[in-house]
Amino acid sequence: MRTTHTTRTLAMTTAAVLLARTSVAADGARTIDTTATRRIVVSIPDRKLALIENDQIVAVYPVAVGADVSPSPVGTFTIVNRVSKPTYYKPGKVVGPGASNPIGTRWIGLSVKGFGIHATDNPGSIGHAKSHGCIRLRNRDVEHLFERVRPGDVVELYDESTDDIAWLFDEQ
């Protein structure tokens, strides 16, 4: 049975609400500079994500972005939560943490309802427009990103590759 865009959006919104109620993951033994100014820049057409700290590029990752029927949102958002080993929810289906979880090992929730940055159980989707609007990374990449970002950090999603952001990805 084919789901509609509205059903998928409702499912993603439900998942985000339930994930937001989950406690934020502990930092563990690693410490991070809480005084650093961090932002994430995503170029949807380039299918890349840059992590920037104090105006320095820390890392660039290949990503999957929203498909034409379920595009990624465009604009400036903030991180609202971080969930390690998330549970995936959609109407009629719940997938606990593990290898078959469609959102992988980490969820970084955004201030736009139903959308986030997360891992995937389908690493072959990275580099393509295959998601329901979220930004997908390989599990190891999102785990690295997850350790560096915090709620309140800025996330910018661009649907055009402008000169202002192209330099982030040119030599990466």
Protein backbone atom coordinates (compact mmCIF):
# COMPACT_ATOMS: atom_id res chain seq x y z
CA MET A 1 0.00 0.00 0.00
CA ARG A 2 1.38 3.36 -0.99
CA THR A 3 1.59 6.00 1.74
CA THR A 4 0.83 9.61 1.02
CA HIS A 5 3.11 12.55 1.75
CA THR A 6 0.71 13.60 4.53
CA THR A 7 0.89 10.17 6.17
CA ARG A 8 4.69 10.19 6.00
CA THR A 9 4.82 13.71 7.43
CA LEU A 10 2.48 12.69 10.25
CA ALA A 11 4.64 9.65 10.95
CA MET A 12 7.82 11.74 11.05
CA THR A 13 6.14 14.31 13.30
CA THR A 14 4.95 11.58 15.65
CA ALA A 15 8.46 10.12 15.73
CA ALA A 16 10.00 13.49 16.49
CA VAL A 17 7.55 14.19 19.32
CA LEU A 18 8.19 10.80 20.86
CA LEU A 19 11.93 11.22 20.43
CA ALA A 20 11.77 14.66 22.01
CA ARG A 21 10.23 13.06 25.09
CA THR A 22 13.19 10.68 25.31
CA SER A 23 15.94 11.91 27.56
CA VAL A 24 18.91 13.51 25.85
CA ALA A 25 21.96 11.24 25.63
CA ALA A 26 24.70 11.63 28.18
CA ASP A 27 28.03 13.04 27.07
CA GLY A 28 30.02 10.12 28.45
CA ALA A 29 33.71 10.49 29.16
CA ARG A 30 34.41 12.89 26.28
CA THR A 31 34.31 16.57 26.96
CA ILE A 32 33.52 19.26 24.46
CA ASP A 33 34.22 22.95 24.40
CA THR A 34 30.90 24.42 25.45
CA THR A 35 32.13 27.93 24.60
CA ALA A 36 32.65 27.04 20.91
CA THR A 37 30.28 28.53 18.39
CA ARG A 38 29.04 25.63 16.28
CA ARG A 39 26.88 25.46 13.21
CA ILE A 40 25.99 22.86 10.66
CA VAL A 41 25.62 23.82 7.00
CA VAL A 42 23.89 21.43 4.62
CA SER A 43 24.00 21.88 0.87
CA ILE A 44 21.04 19.92 -0.46
CA PRO A 45 22.19 19.95 -4.12
CA ASP A 46 25.76 18.99 -3.17
CA ARG A 47 24.46 16.39 -0.69
CA LYS A 48 27.06 17.41 1.87
CA LEU A 49 27.06 18.58 5.46
CA ALA A 50 29.77 20.76 7.02
CA LEU A 51 30.37 21.05 10.75
CA ILE A 52 31.87 24.44 11.58
CA GLU A 53 33.29 25.44 14.97
CA ASN A 54 34.49 28.98 15.61
CA ASP A 55 34.41 29.67 11.85
CA GLN A 56 36.70 26.68 11.11
CA ILE A 57 35.57 23.65 9.11
CA VAL A 58 35.87 20.65 11.43
CA ALA A 59 34.43 17.99 9.13
CA VAL A 60 32.49 17.52 5.90
CA TYR A 61 30.26 14.50 5.43
CA PRO A 62 28.33 13.11 2.46
CA VAL A 63 24.60 12.90 3.18
CA ALA A 64 21.29 11.72 1.81
CA VAL A 65 18.63 14.40 1.48
CA GLY A 66 14.90 14.46 0.89
CA ALA A 67 13.50 12.89 -2.26
CA ASP A 68 11.55 15.05 -4.72
CA VAL A 69 8.24 13.87 -3.20
CA SER A 70 9.44 14.58 0.36
CA PRO A 71 12.06 17.34 0.17
CA SER A 72 14.29 18.45 3.01
CA PRO A 73 13.19 21.70 4.63
CA VAL A 74 15.14 24.83 3.72
CA GLY A 75 16.08 27.50 6.21
CA THR A 76 17.81 28.10 9.52
CA PHE A 77 16.90 25.87 12.43
CA THR A 78 18.36 24.81 15.76
CA ILE A 79 19.10 21.47 17.33
CA VAL A 80 16.44 20.69 19.93
CA ASN A 81 17.50 17.22 21.11
CA ARG A 82 19.99 14.40 20.71
CA VAL A 83 19.04 10.75 21.15
CA SER A 84 21.48 7.85 21.26
CA LYS A 85 20.10 4.48 20.15
CA PRO A 86 16.71 5.92 19.14
CA THR A 87 13.49 4.02 18.63
CA TYR A 88 11.74 4.55 15.28
CA TYR A 89 7.97 5.08 15.33
CA LYS A 90 5.46 5.24 12.52
CA PRO A 91 1.79 4.28 12.50
CA GLY A 92 1.56 0.53 12.96
CA LYS A 93 5.31 0.02 13.36
CA VAL A 94 7.88 0.46 16.09
CA VAL A 95 11.53 -0.46 15.53
CA GLY A 96 13.80 -0.50 18.55
CA PRO A 97 17.51 0.26 18.51
CA GLY A 98 19.56 -2.08 16.35
CA ALA A 99 20.78 -2.86 12.86
CA SER A 100 17.31 -2.73 11.26
CA ASN A 101 16.39 0.69 12.69
CA PRO A 102 15.73 3.05 9.73
CA ILE A 103 17.14 6.04 11.66
CA GLY A 104 20.30 4.21 12.66
CA THR A 105 22.26 4.78 15.85
CA ARG A 106 21.70 8.51 16.49
CA TRP A 107 18.98 11.16 16.12
CA ILE A 108 19.65 14.91 16.18
CA GLY A 109 16.26 16.60 16.26
CA LEU A 110 15.71 19.97 14.58
CA SER A 111 13.40 22.83 15.47
CA VAL A 112 11.28 22.08 12.40
CA LYS A 113 8.82 19.41 13.51
CA GLY A 114 9.38 15.92 12.21
CA PHE A 115 12.84 16.52 10.79
CA GLY A 116 16.30 15.73 11.98
CA ILE A 117 19.78 14.58 11.18
CA HIS A 118 20.21 10.87 11.72
CA ALA A 119 22.00 7.72 10.73
CA THR A 120 20.54 5.06 8.46
CA ASP A 121 20.19 1.33 8.02
CA ASN A 122 20.70 1.92 4.28
CA PRO A 123 24.19 3.40 3.75
CA GLY A 124 23.71 3.06 -0.02
CA SER A 125 21.29 6.01 0.15
CA ILE A 126 24.09 8.40 1.13
CA GLY A 127 24.82 10.82 -1.71
CA HIS A 128 21.29 10.58 -3.07
CA ALA A 129 17.89 12.25 -2.64
CA LYS A 130 16.29 9.25 -0.92
CA SER A 131 14.99 10.33 2.50
CA HIS A 132 11.60 11.52 3.66
CA GLY A 133 13.15 14.96 4.21
CA CYS A 134 15.63 14.25 6.98
CA ILE A 135 19.38 14.48 6.53
CA ARG A 136 20.94 11.00 6.69
CA LEU A 137 24.57 10.17 7.40
CA ARG A 138 26.52 6.94 7.74
CA ASN A 139 26.35 5.65 11.30
CA ARG A 140 30.03 6.39 12.02
CA ASP A 141 29.66 9.93 10.66
CA VAL A 142 26.56 10.81 12.65
CA GLU A 143 28.16 9.34 15.78
CA HIS A 144 31.10 11.73 15.34
CA LEU A 145 28.77 14.67 14.64
CA PHE A 146 26.54 13.71 17.59
CA GLU A 147 29.45 14.01 20.02
CA ARG A 148 30.28 17.52 18.88
CA VAL A 149 26.88 19.25 18.67
CA ARG A 150 24.48 20.39 21.35
CA PRO A 151 20.89 21.67 21.60
CA GLY A 152 20.81 25.29 20.51
CA ASP A 153 23.46 24.86 17.79
CA VAL A 154 22.40 26.34 14.44
CA VAL A 155 21.61 24.17 11.41
CA GLU A 156 21.35 25.83 7.98
CA LEU A 157 19.84 23.92 5.05
CA TYR A 158 20.32 25.39 1.58
CA ASP A 159 18.57 24.30 -1.61
CA GLU A 160 20.98 26.17 -3.89
CA SER A 161 24.73 25.87 -4.18
CA THR A 162 25.66 29.54 -3.88
CA ASP A 163 29.16 31.01 -3.82
CA ASP A 164 28.59 31.82 -0.14
CA ILE A 165 28.44 28.14 0.81
CA ALA A 166 30.27 26.45 -2.09
CA TRP A 167 33.67 27.20 -0.57
CA LEU A 168 32.78 24.93 2.36
CA PHE A 169 32.66 21.89 0.09
CA ASP A 170 35.09 22.76 -2.74
CA GLU A 171 38.24 21.16 -1.38
CA GLN A 172 36.69 18.55 0.87
